[in-house]
C-alpha cells in the first residue's frame, strides 16, 4: 500500500470515528429529557487537572462562567486537528465581540509528545484566545474518559498517530454539555450552535 493510500485510509478512519462518536454522544443525550442539567448531559465532562501551554495548572473551574468549546487532538495530527483549530479561529472571529465570551480549549491525547512548550508553539498558528492543555498520561486518560472521547494510538516508534474523536464539545457556563460541533460542520450551523451555547 502506498504512503498516499495509507494517508487516505487514516483520514477516512478519523472522519468515521468522529462521526460515530458524535452520533453516540447525541444518542446518549436523546435517551433522556436532553434538557439543561439532565443526568445525561451531566455525564459528559467533569473535573480535571492539567497544565496549559505556559506550564500553569488548570482545572475545569478555570473555564466555568463562560461557555467552553473543548477539542481533543494532538500536534502531530496531519489533518483533523489543524483543520478544526483553524475553523475555531474563524468562528471566534466571525462572532465578533461575542468571541471573547468563549473559552476554547485544545486538550492533547498525546501527552508523551505534546509538552507545554510544543503546545505553545503550535498555538501560534491559531487564535490567541485558544488554550492548550496537557498532563500526565493518567490525567489525560481521566479527562478523555470523562468526555467520552475516543482516542487510540496507532503504530509504534516515532511515527505513530492517533485515531480520535473529531467533534468539538460545546459546554455551557456551568460545564454541562450543550451540543457538539461536527468535524467541518458548515460555518453557519457551527456559529448558530455557539450562539446557542452563549444563551444556555
Foldseek 3Di string as FASTA:
>chain_A
DDPVVVVVVLVVLLQVQQVVLQVVLVVLCVVDPVDPPDPSQVQAFDWAWWAWLVRHIDIVVVQAPAKEKEWEEALVDPPLVVQVQALLQVLLVVVPPCSVRYEYEYEYQCQVPDDSPNVVVSCVVGDPRYIYTYHPNVRSVVRCVSNVKDWDWADDDPPIHIRIHRWIFIAANHRTTDHIHGRCRDSVVVSVSNVVSRVD
